[in-house]
Amino acid sequence: SALQCVLPHLQPGHAMAGNAKTGNSLSERPTVAFAHLGCEKNRVDTEHMLGLLAEAGYGVSSDENDANLVVVNTCSFIQDAREESVRTLVGLAEQGKELIIAGCLAQHFQDELLESIPEAKAIVGTGDYQHIVEVLQQVEAGERVNRVSKTPTFVADENLPRYRTTGEAVAYLKVAEGCDYRCAFCIIPHLRGNQRSRTIESIVAEAHQLAAQGVQELILISQITTNYGLDLYGKPRLADLLKALGDVGIPWIRVHYAYPTGLTPDVLAAYRDVPNVLPYLDLPLQHSHPEVLRAMNRPWQADVNDRLLDQIREQLPDAILRTTLIVGFPGETEAQFEHLAGFLERQRFDHVGIFTFSPEDGTAAATLPDAVPDEIAIARKDKLMTLQQPISAARNASWIGKTVDVLVEQHNPSTGEMIGRCSRFAPEVDGDVLVQPGENGLQVNPGTMVPVQITGADIYDLTGRIVGASHMVAAARAAT
């Protein structure tokens, strides 16, 4: 199986060192450790599990040394993610930890996981994490639990307890779960089900909750955020959602995963007109050549890319554009790759993520002929990265001399610098702004948004210094 290919030495019934027992009665509430892997959607699921266990009286920790039982929320999106998930599970099992395996790997390989890892006391699917307390109680009672729905249908709302794992100033808000598209390379619909949106009222209510907690940046996530509401309302309603969020007291609202077909004039107008919605568009285009897009089962996109990007830049002159691309898709010719390279050079994206094709069991692309050899795919990835780096450097350099708001997230104790982000950088995937202390060595607390004049740039990051120092001194004194 694909799971056994990740670690061939991990055979069914293989006993690992330790195999510790929790030894707790049902009346006790032990500490449970969490290990989180994967995407922001997975992070939100982890945060809900943490919230549910904390509400039920369990101690929760991110340090595996604090507990004999570890919940591992896994990723199974591509082969590298599966390998990381399995390495984490094996490493914890060999430390004598008992495991609850949650998330996409559990949904993908449920029976094999229970057979292969005796330390796995339960598996919990992507649509079943809301049952984590009940699952844990069954494990404490000595049961071995398979809680994986064949078809995930659950989506959390603002009423499900949540314990955030990001800094105080940043939060992710899942507006929908699952996906109705069937891109040939993608296993997400199999792992997370079809799209199911939350109501606008539910999302806005949670946004107000997060604003009350001091959140400064709210990141809207789903698999296809521009399709938000289609299943619930009969038509996409991202524009209406963004307008409703304009009344929430959070200065930055960022949208991830904006598929091209959903960027209608109404949606672009909402980006332009709602003051706290950032003009940051994350467009997972994947390729530019019509034949490759047809093979990817994305034929609707072939005549969209250039025209849509022109429309975005016309309506949103300050737009920050990010995309992701796949090279080495089965059958991709050298001419088709050069078409993609020309598209990348022509469009001059601010940020680009480039991946080599990963064949996923259960997807249409896994059995396509004319596989591109790994060494050619890697060389194509490297060529695109080499093309993009001077473009990213030039896009960053165009900000030198501007004054921008920066959300400070941490301090560098060795240099005294503050590290933060401006609106052109999303957390974890883009760059940072390295901020020099203000007058008299002024520093501000993480979670504070400050005006910064940009003084330098490189391929990935910006540097700058705080401006309006007297105002900041007053703010800093008021905060203390």
Protein backbone atom coordinates (compact mmCIF):
# COMPACT_ATOMS: atom_id res chain seq x y z
CA SER A 1 0.00 0.00 0.00
CA ALA A 2 0.99 3.65 -0.23
CA LEU A 3 1.35 3.78 3.55
CA GLN A 4 3.73 0.82 3.62
CA CYS A 5 5.76 2.51 0.87
CA VAL A 6 6.42 5.40 3.24
CA LEU A 7 8.22 3.20 5.75
CA PRO A 8 8.58 -0.35 4.44
CA HIS A 9 10.01 -1.62 7.73
CA LEU A 10 6.77 -0.78 9.54
CA GLN A 11 4.93 -4.10 9.22
CA PRO A 12 1.51 -5.05 10.65
CA GLY A 13 1.80 -6.06 14.29
CA HIS A 14 5.27 -4.53 14.68
CA ALA A 15 5.76 -3.86 18.40
CA MET A 16 7.68 -0.74 19.32
CA ALA A 17 9.62 0.05 22.45
CA GLY A 18 7.71 1.26 25.48
CA ASN A 19 4.07 0.74 24.54
CA ALA A 20 3.20 2.70 27.68
CA LYS A 21 -0.18 2.48 29.38
CA THR A 22 -2.00 5.58 30.55
CA GLY A 23 -3.19 3.85 33.70
CA ASN A 24 -5.83 6.51 34.43
CA SER A 25 -9.31 5.83 35.69
CA LEU A 26 -12.25 7.55 34.01
CA SER A 27 -12.62 9.85 37.02
CA GLU A 28 -9.17 11.34 36.42
CA ARG A 29 -8.29 13.83 33.75
CA PRO A 30 -4.73 13.27 32.49
CA THR A 31 -2.67 15.67 30.43
CA VAL A 32 -2.84 15.03 26.70
CA ALA A 33 -0.09 16.28 24.40
CA PHE A 34 -0.72 17.44 20.84
CA ALA A 35 1.45 17.31 17.74
CA HIS A 36 0.15 19.29 14.76
CA LEU A 37 1.12 18.74 11.12
CA GLY A 38 -0.21 20.12 7.87
CA CYS A 39 -2.21 23.09 6.68
CA GLU A 40 -4.12 25.91 8.34
CA LYS A 41 -7.39 23.97 8.00
CA ASN A 42 -5.78 21.18 10.01
CA ARG A 43 -4.58 23.76 12.54
CA VAL A 44 -8.14 24.94 13.16
CA ASP A 45 -9.24 21.32 13.69
CA THR A 46 -6.42 20.91 16.23
CA GLU A 47 -7.51 24.08 18.01
CA HIS A 48 -11.06 22.76 18.32
CA MET A 49 -9.81 19.45 19.76
CA LEU A 50 -7.70 21.36 22.26
CA GLY A 51 -10.70 23.48 23.22
CA LEU A 52 -12.98 20.48 23.66
CA LEU A 53 -10.48 18.60 25.84
CA ALA A 54 -9.70 21.69 27.93
CA GLU A 55 -13.43 22.28 28.48
CA ALA A 56 -13.79 18.65 29.59
CA GLY A 57 -11.09 19.15 32.21
CA TYR A 58 -8.10 17.56 30.51
CA GLY A 59 -4.71 19.17 30.65
CA VAL A 60 -3.36 19.90 27.15
CA SER A 61 0.22 20.51 26.12
CA SER A 62 2.35 20.95 23.00
CA ASP A 63 5.25 19.16 24.74
CA GLU A 64 5.12 15.40 24.21
CA ASN A 65 7.24 14.92 27.34
CA ASP A 66 4.28 16.13 29.44
CA ALA A 67 2.06 13.14 28.64
CA ASN A 68 1.96 9.44 27.83
CA LEU A 69 -0.88 10.00 25.36
CA VAL A 70 -0.30 12.17 22.27
CA VAL A 71 -2.90 13.27 19.73
CA VAL A 72 -1.17 13.64 16.34
CA ASN A 73 -3.17 15.62 13.79
CA THR A 74 -1.66 14.37 10.55
CA CYS A 75 -1.37 15.46 6.92
CA SER A 76 -1.66 13.21 3.86
CA PHE A 77 -1.80 15.77 1.05
CA ILE A 78 1.34 14.63 -0.80
CA GLN A 79 4.00 11.96 -0.33
CA ASP A 80 6.37 14.25 1.60
CA ALA A 81 3.57 15.13 4.03
CA ARG A 82 2.75 11.45 4.57
CA GLU A 83 6.38 10.67 5.24
CA GLU A 84 6.59 13.45 7.82
CA SER A 85 3.39 12.24 9.49
CA VAL A 86 4.57 8.63 9.68
CA ARG A 87 8.03 9.63 10.95
CA THR A 88 6.35 11.63 13.71
CA LEU A 89 4.11 8.70 14.67
CA VAL A 90 6.96 6.19 14.70
CA GLY A 91 9.21 8.53 16.68
CA LEU A 92 6.57 9.08 19.36
CA ALA A 93 5.73 5.37 19.53
CA GLU A 94 9.40 4.52 20.03
CA GLN A 95 9.43 6.97 22.94
CA GLY A 96 6.71 4.87 24.57
CA LYS A 97 3.83 7.19 23.80
CA GLU A 98 0.30 5.99 23.17
CA LEU A 99 -1.24 7.68 20.15
CA ILE A 100 -4.51 9.03 18.90
CA ILE A 101 -4.03 9.55 15.16
CA ALA A 102 -6.28 12.28 13.77
CA GLY A 103 -6.64 14.12 10.50
CA CYS A 104 -5.97 13.31 6.87
CA LEU A 105 -3.63 10.32 7.32
CA ALA A 106 -6.26 8.71 9.57
CA GLN A 107 -8.95 9.36 6.97
CA HIS A 108 -6.69 7.97 4.24
CA PHE A 109 -5.25 4.83 5.85
CA GLN A 110 -7.47 4.00 8.80
CA ASP A 111 -7.27 0.20 8.90
CA GLU A 112 -3.60 0.06 7.98
CA LEU A 113 -2.66 2.48 10.74
CA LEU A 114 -4.34 0.40 13.41
CA GLU A 115 -2.72 -2.77 12.07
CA SER A 116 0.75 -1.28 11.68
CA ILE A 117 1.07 0.76 14.86
CA PRO A 118 0.05 -1.04 18.07
CA GLU A 119 0.57 2.19 19.99
CA ALA A 120 -2.28 3.73 18.03
CA LYS A 121 -5.18 3.51 20.46
CA ALA A 122 -7.59 5.45 18.25
CA ILE A 123 -7.92 7.01 14.83
CA VAL A 124 -10.11 10.06 14.26
CA GLY A 125 -11.17 11.23 10.78
CA THR A 126 -11.28 14.72 9.35
CA GLY A 127 -15.04 14.88 9.92
CA ASP A 128 -14.97 13.38 13.42
CA TYR A 129 -12.60 15.51 15.52
CA GLN A 130 -15.62 16.98 17.36
CA HIS A 131 -15.89 13.59 19.13
CA ILE A 132 -12.37 13.74 20.60
CA VAL A 133 -13.54 13.76 24.24
CA GLU A 134 -15.70 10.67 23.73
CA VAL A 135 -12.87 8.94 21.86
CA LEU A 136 -10.41 9.70 24.65
CA GLN A 137 -12.82 8.37 27.26
CA GLN A 138 -13.16 5.14 25.28
CA VAL A 139 -9.37 4.84 25.10
CA GLU A 140 -9.10 5.39 28.86
CA ALA A 141 -11.62 2.57 29.30
CA GLY A 142 -9.30 0.24 27.40
CA GLU A 143 -11.02 0.30 24.01
CA ARG A 144 -9.33 0.65 20.65
CA VAL A 145 -11.34 3.13 18.62
CA ASN A 146 -11.90 3.71 14.89
CA ARG A 147 -13.85 6.97 14.63
CA VAL A 148 -13.59 7.72 10.92
CA SER A 149 -16.72 8.53 8.94
CA LYS A 150 -16.56 7.20 5.38
CA THR A 151 -17.75 10.56 4.06
CA PRO A 152 -16.83 13.63 6.17
CA THR A 153 -19.80 15.95 6.62
CA PHE A 154 -19.02 17.99 9.76
CA VAL A 155 -18.00 21.64 9.76
CA ALA A 156 -17.39 23.49 13.03
CA ASP A 157 -19.03 26.78 13.94
CA GLU A 158 -18.50 29.56 16.47
CA ASN A 159 -20.08 27.49 19.25
CA LEU A 160 -17.48 24.71 19.26
CA PRO A 161 -14.79 25.37 21.89
CA ARG A 162 -11.45 26.45 20.48
CA TYR A 163 -8.01 27.00 21.98
CA ARG A 164 -5.87 29.00 19.54
CA THR A 165 -2.28 27.95 18.88
CA THR A 166 -1.23 31.04 16.92
CA GLY A 167 -0.02 34.23 18.57
CA GLU A 168 -2.67 36.46 20.08
CA ALA A 169 -2.70 38.78 17.07
CA VAL A 170 -3.32 36.23 14.27
CA ALA A 171 -6.19 33.79 13.80
CA TYR A 172 -7.45 31.53 11.03
CA LEU A 173 -11.18 31.31 10.39
CA LYS A 174 -12.49 28.35 8.39
CA VAL A 175 -15.41 29.56 6.26
CA ALA A 176 -16.05 26.20 4.57
CA GLU A 177 -14.74 22.65 4.52
CA GLY A 178 -14.21 20.20 1.66
CA CYS A 179 -14.16 20.69 -2.10
CA ASP A 180 -16.51 20.00 -5.04
CA TYR A 181 -13.79 20.23 -7.70
CA ARG A 182 -11.99 17.12 -8.89
CA CYS A 183 -8.58 18.30 -10.01
CA ALA A 184 -6.73 15.26 -11.33
CA PHE A 185 -3.77 15.65 -8.97
CA CYS A 186 -5.63 16.42 -5.73
CA ILE A 187 -6.81 14.02 -3.04
CA ILE A 188 -8.47 16.63 -0.81
CA PRO A 189 -12.09 15.77 -1.76
CA HIS A 190 -11.40 12.14 -0.80
CA LEU A 191 -9.89 13.21 2.53
CA ARG A 192 -12.26 16.05 3.48
CA GLY A 193 -15.47 15.50 1.50
CA ASN A 194 -17.50 17.89 -0.61
CA GLN A 195 -17.76 21.61 0.08
CA ARG A 196 -19.93 22.60 3.04
CA SER A 197 -20.07 26.29 3.89
CA ARG A 198 -20.92 28.00 7.15
CA THR A 199 -23.51 30.75 7.18
CA ILE A 200 -22.42 34.37 6.92
CA GLU A 201 -23.95 34.98 10.36
CA SER A 202 -21.88 32.17 11.92
CA ILE A 203 -18.63 33.41 10.39
CA VAL A 204 -19.24 37.02 11.41
CA ALA A 205 -20.12 35.91 14.96
CA GLU A 206 -16.80 34.06 15.27
CA ALA A 207 -14.94 37.03 13.78
CA HIS A 208 -16.40 39.26 16.50
CA GLN A 209 -15.29 36.72 19.13
CA LEU A 210 -11.76 36.80 17.73
CA ALA A 211 -11.75 40.60 17.60
CA ALA A 212 -12.66 40.64 21.30
CA GLN A 213 -9.59 38.45 21.94
CA GLY A 214 -7.32 41.10 20.40
CA VAL A 215 -6.84 39.55 16.95
CA GLN A 216 -5.27 42.00 14.50
CA GLU A 217 -5.15 39.75 11.44
CA LEU A 218 -7.91 37.33 10.45
CA ILE A 219 -7.18 34.83 7.66
CA LEU A 220 -10.18 33.30 5.91
CA ILE A 221 -9.51 29.74 4.76
CA SER A 222 -11.24 26.90 2.95
CA GLN A 223 -10.26 24.75 0.00
CA ILE A 224 -11.80 27.15 -2.55
CA THR A 225 -12.68 30.33 -0.72
CA THR A 226 -14.02 32.06 -3.84
CA ASN A 227 -16.67 29.31 -4.03
CA TYR A 228 -17.80 30.12 -0.50
CA GLY A 229 -21.57 29.73 -0.07
CA LEU A 230 -22.29 27.96 -3.36
CA ASP A 231 -23.52 24.80 -1.62
CA LEU A 232 -25.51 26.72 1.00
CA TYR A 233 -27.02 29.61 -0.92
CA GLY A 234 -27.04 28.29 -4.50
CA LYS A 235 -24.43 30.83 -5.59
CA PRO A 236 -21.03 31.99 -4.32
CA ARG A 237 -21.34 34.76 -1.72
CA LEU A 238 -17.78 35.70 -0.87
CA ALA A 239 -18.49 39.34 -1.77
CA ASP A 240 -21.39 39.45 0.72
CA LEU A 241 -19.24 37.80 3.38
CA LEU A 242 -16.41 40.31 2.93
CA LYS A 243 -18.85 43.22 3.16
CA ALA A 244 -20.31 41.78 6.38
CA LEU A 245 -16.80 41.42 7.85
CA GLY A 246 -16.15 45.11 7.18
CA ASP A 247 -17.96 45.89 10.44
CA VAL A 248 -15.68 43.63 12.52
CA GLY A 249 -13.00 45.44 14.52
CA ILE A 250 -10.02 43.62 13.01
CA PRO A 251 -7.68 45.79 10.92
CA TRP A 252 -6.47 43.08 8.50
CA ILE A 253 -8.67 40.45 6.87
CA ARG A 254 -6.76 38.23 4.44
CA VAL A 255 -8.29 35.68 2.06
CA HIS A 256 -6.43 32.49 1.16
CA TYR A 257 -7.08 30.22 -1.85
CA ALA A 258 -8.93 32.49 -4.27
CA TYR A 259 -9.64 30.33 -7.30
CA PRO A 260 -9.83 32.30 -10.57
CA THR A 261 -13.42 31.44 -11.52
CA GLY A 262 -14.76 33.02 -8.35
CA LEU A 263 -13.04 36.38 -8.72
CA THR A 264 -16.09 38.10 -10.18
CA PRO A 265 -16.39 41.89 -10.49
CA ASP A 266 -18.45 41.90 -7.26
CA VAL A 267 -15.72 40.04 -5.37
CA LEU A 268 -12.97 42.32 -6.69
CA ALA A 269 -15.12 45.33 -5.75
CA ALA A 270 -15.38 43.97 -2.20
CA TYR A 271 -11.60 43.63 -2.04
CA ARG A 272 -11.35 47.25 -3.16
CA ASP A 273 -14.13 48.80 -1.10
CA VAL A 274 -14.07 47.00 2.27
CA PRO A 275 -11.34 48.86 4.17
CA ASN A 276 -10.09 45.99 6.34
CA VAL A 277 -9.92 43.44 3.50
CA LEU A 278 -6.34 43.31 2.24
CA PRO A 279 -5.71 43.41 -1.53
CA TYR A 280 -3.77 40.14 -1.21
CA LEU A 281 -4.84 37.45 -3.66
CA ASP A 282 -3.62 33.88 -3.23
CA LEU A 283 -4.32 32.26 -6.62
CA PRO A 284 -3.44 28.55 -6.91
CA LEU A 285 -3.17 28.55 -10.73
CA GLN A 286 -0.97 25.39 -10.97
CA HIS A 287 -0.08 25.84 -14.67
CA SER A 288 -0.56 28.02 -17.73
CA HIS A 289 -0.57 25.67 -20.72
CA PRO A 290 -4.07 24.71 -21.95
CA GLU A 291 -3.20 21.05 -22.58
CA VAL A 292 -1.66 20.58 -19.13
CA LEU A 293 -4.65 22.33 -17.53
CA ARG A 294 -7.00 19.98 -19.39
CA ALA A 295 -5.03 16.99 -18.14
CA MET A 296 -5.28 18.45 -14.62
CA ASN A 297 -9.08 18.62 -15.09
CA ARG A 298 -8.94 22.41 -14.95
CA PRO A 299 -9.96 23.21 -18.58
CA TRP A 300 -12.02 26.21 -17.46
CA GLN A 301 -8.80 27.98 -16.48
CA ALA A 302 -7.00 27.90 -19.82
CA ASP A 303 -8.48 31.15 -21.13
CA VAL A 304 -8.69 32.82 -17.71
CA ASN A 305 -5.16 33.31 -16.40
CA ASP A 306 -3.82 36.35 -18.27
CA ARG A 307 -7.21 38.02 -18.71
CA LEU A 308 -8.07 37.64 -15.03
CA LEU A 309 -4.71 38.96 -13.85
CA ASP A 310 -5.14 42.01 -16.07
CA GLN A 311 -8.59 42.61 -14.54
CA ILE A 312 -7.23 42.28 -11.01
CA ARG A 313 -4.46 44.79 -11.64
CA GLU A 314 -6.91 47.20 -13.28
CA GLN A 315 -9.37 47.11 -10.38
CA LEU A 316 -6.80 46.65 -7.61
CA PRO A 317 -3.63 48.53 -8.57
CA ASP A 318 -2.07 47.74 -5.18
CA ALA A 319 -2.85 44.01 -5.36
CA ILE A 320 -0.30 41.58 -3.96
CA LEU A 321 -0.39 38.40 -6.03
CA ARG A 322 0.73 34.95 -4.88
CA THR A 323 0.37 31.71 -6.82
CA THR A 324 1.36 28.06 -6.65
CA LEU A 325 2.54 26.05 -9.67
CA ILE A 326 3.11 22.36 -10.39
CA VAL A 327 5.90 21.14 -12.67
CA GLY A 328 6.47 17.61 -13.89
CA PHE A 329 2.79 16.75 -14.34
CA PRO A 330 2.49 13.55 -16.42
CA GLY A 331 2.97 14.33 -20.10
CA GLU A 332 4.33 17.85 -19.52
CA THR A 333 6.59 18.52 -22.51
CA GLU A 334 9.54 20.85 -22.63
CA ALA A 335 7.49 23.25 -24.78
CA GLN A 336 4.65 23.23 -22.25
CA PHE A 337 7.10 23.90 -19.43
CA GLU A 338 8.59 26.82 -21.40
CA HIS A 339 5.03 28.18 -21.79
CA LEU A 340 4.77 28.16 -17.99
CA ALA A 341 8.18 29.82 -17.61
CA GLY A 342 7.13 32.57 -20.01
CA PHE A 343 3.88 33.07 -18.08
CA LEU A 344 5.84 33.41 -14.83
CA GLU A 345 8.22 35.96 -16.32
CA ARG A 346 5.39 37.94 -17.90
CA GLN A 347 3.07 38.13 -14.89
CA ARG A 348 5.67 39.04 -12.23
CA PHE A 349 3.94 37.63 -9.17
CA ASP A 350 4.99 38.92 -5.75
CA HIS A 351 5.21 35.44 -4.25
CA VAL A 352 5.33 32.00 -5.88
CA GLY A 353 5.32 28.47 -4.48
CA ILE A 354 6.53 25.75 -6.87
CA PHE A 355 5.98 22.03 -6.38
CA THR A 356 6.96 18.94 -8.32
CA PHE A 357 4.08 16.61 -9.18
CA SER A 358 3.31 13.97 -6.55
CA PRO A 359 1.20 10.98 -7.71
CA GLU A 360 -1.55 10.34 -5.19
CA ASP A 361 -3.35 6.99 -5.01
CA GLY A 362 -7.04 7.52 -5.65
CA THR A 363 -6.59 10.49 -7.99
CA ALA A 364 -6.96 10.47 -11.77
CA ALA A 365 -3.40 11.68 -12.32
CA ALA A 366 -1.86 8.77 -10.41
CA THR A 367 -2.33 6.42 -13.38
CA LEU A 368 -1.62 8.82 -16.24
CA PRO A 369 1.05 7.72 -18.73
CA ASP A 370 4.20 9.61 -19.70
CA ALA A 371 5.51 10.27 -16.20
CA VAL A 372 8.13 12.99 -16.07
CA PRO A 373 11.36 11.68 -14.47
CA ASP A 374 12.07 13.11 -11.02
CA GLU A 375 15.36 14.66 -12.08
CA ILE A 376 13.66 16.58 -14.90
CA ALA A 377 10.82 17.76 -12.62
CA ILE A 378 13.32 18.96 -10.02
CA ALA A 379 15.37 20.77 -12.68
CA ARG A 380 12.21 22.50 -13.92
CA LYS A 381 11.33 23.56 -10.39
CA ASP A 382 14.82 24.96 -9.90
CA LYS A 383 14.63 26.87 -13.18
CA LEU A 384 11.33 28.51 -12.20
CA MET A 385 12.70 29.45 -8.80
CA THR A 386 15.74 31.01 -10.50
CA LEU A 387 13.40 32.99 -12.76
CA GLN A 388 11.21 34.13 -9.87
CA GLN A 389 13.86 35.25 -7.40
CA PRO A 390 14.87 38.49 -9.16
CA ILE A 391 11.18 39.25 -9.75
CA SER A 392 10.44 38.85 -6.03
CA ALA A 393 13.49 40.96 -5.17
CA ALA A 394 12.33 43.74 -7.51
CA ARG A 395 8.78 43.61 -6.17
CA ASN A 396 10.12 43.95 -2.63
CA ALA A 397 12.54 46.73 -3.62
CA SER A 398 9.64 48.79 -4.96
CA TRP A 399 8.52 49.25 -1.33
CA ILE A 400 11.71 50.98 -0.20
CA GLY A 401 10.86 54.47 1.02
CA LYS A 402 7.21 53.67 1.74
CA THR A 403 5.73 53.75 5.23
CA VAL A 404 3.57 50.73 5.99
CA ASP A 405 1.82 49.21 8.98
CA VAL A 406 3.76 46.28 10.42
CA LEU A 407 2.35 43.72 12.83
CA VAL A 408 5.19 42.94 15.25
CA GLU A 409 5.27 39.23 16.12
CA GLN A 410 8.54 38.62 17.97
CA HIS A 411 11.83 40.13 19.13
CA ASN A 412 15.32 39.00 18.20
CA PRO A 413 17.12 39.17 21.57
CA SER A 414 20.60 39.02 20.00
CA THR A 415 20.10 42.03 17.72
CA GLY A 416 17.26 43.94 19.36
CA GLU A 417 15.34 43.81 16.10
CA MET A 418 11.62 43.28 16.02
CA ILE A 419 10.29 40.78 13.50
CA GLY A 420 6.91 41.29 11.93
CA ARG A 421 4.94 41.40 8.70
CA CYS A 422 3.31 44.04 6.54
CA SER A 423 0.15 43.37 4.57
CA ARG A 424 2.06 41.98 1.57
CA PHE A 425 3.31 39.01 3.63
CA ALA A 426 1.05 36.16 4.83
CA PRO A 427 2.21 34.17 7.87
CA GLU A 428 4.70 31.34 7.29
CA VAL A 429 4.54 31.29 3.49
CA ASP A 430 5.90 34.78 2.69
CA GLY A 431 8.63 37.02 4.08
CA ASP A 432 9.17 39.12 7.20
CA VAL A 433 9.83 42.76 7.99
CA LEU A 434 12.90 43.21 10.20
CA VAL A 435 12.29 46.38 12.22
CA GLN A 436 15.04 48.37 13.89
CA PRO A 437 14.22 49.79 17.35
CA GLY A 438 12.86 53.32 17.42
CA GLU A 439 14.29 56.35 19.19
CA ASN A 440 16.00 55.56 22.50
CA GLY A 441 15.90 51.86 21.63
CA LEU A 442 12.10 51.79 21.66
CA GLN A 443 10.58 48.36 21.17
CA VAL A 444 6.92 47.42 21.10
CA ASN A 445 5.23 44.31 22.35
CA PRO A 446 4.40 41.44 19.97
CA GLY A 447 0.86 41.83 18.69
CA THR A 448 1.27 45.59 18.21
CA MET A 449 0.82 47.23 14.81
CA VAL A 450 3.27 50.08 14.15
CA PRO A 451 4.12 52.40 11.23
CA VAL A 452 7.45 51.41 9.68
CA GLN A 453 9.42 53.12 6.95
CA ILE A 454 10.93 50.50 4.63
CA THR A 455 14.67 51.07 4.21
CA GLY A 456 15.87 47.85 2.57
CA ALA A 457 14.76 44.72 0.72
CA ASP A 458 16.02 41.37 -0.52
CA ILE A 459 14.43 38.39 -2.29
CA TYR A 460 12.18 37.47 0.59
CA ASP A 461 12.26 40.10 3.36
CA LEU A 462 12.07 43.83 4.03
CA THR A 463 13.85 45.96 6.61
CA GLY A 464 12.71 49.21 8.15
CA ARG A 465 12.51 51.49 11.15
CA ILE A 466 9.63 52.70 13.27
CA VAL A 467 8.41 56.20 12.44
CA GLY A 468 6.29 58.53 14.51
CA ALA A 469 8.42 57.73 17.56
CA SER A 470 6.76 60.16 19.97
CA HIS A 471 3.38 58.60 19.22
CA MET A 472 4.82 55.14 19.75
CA VAL A 473 6.43 56.11 23.06
CA ALA A 474 3.07 57.30 24.32
CA ALA A 475 1.44 54.09 23.14
CA ALA A 476 4.13 51.95 24.76
CA ARG A 477 3.77 53.81 28.07
CA ALA A 478 0.00 53.47 27.93
CA ALA A 479 0.36 49.70 27.35
CA THR A 480 2.47 49.31 30.48
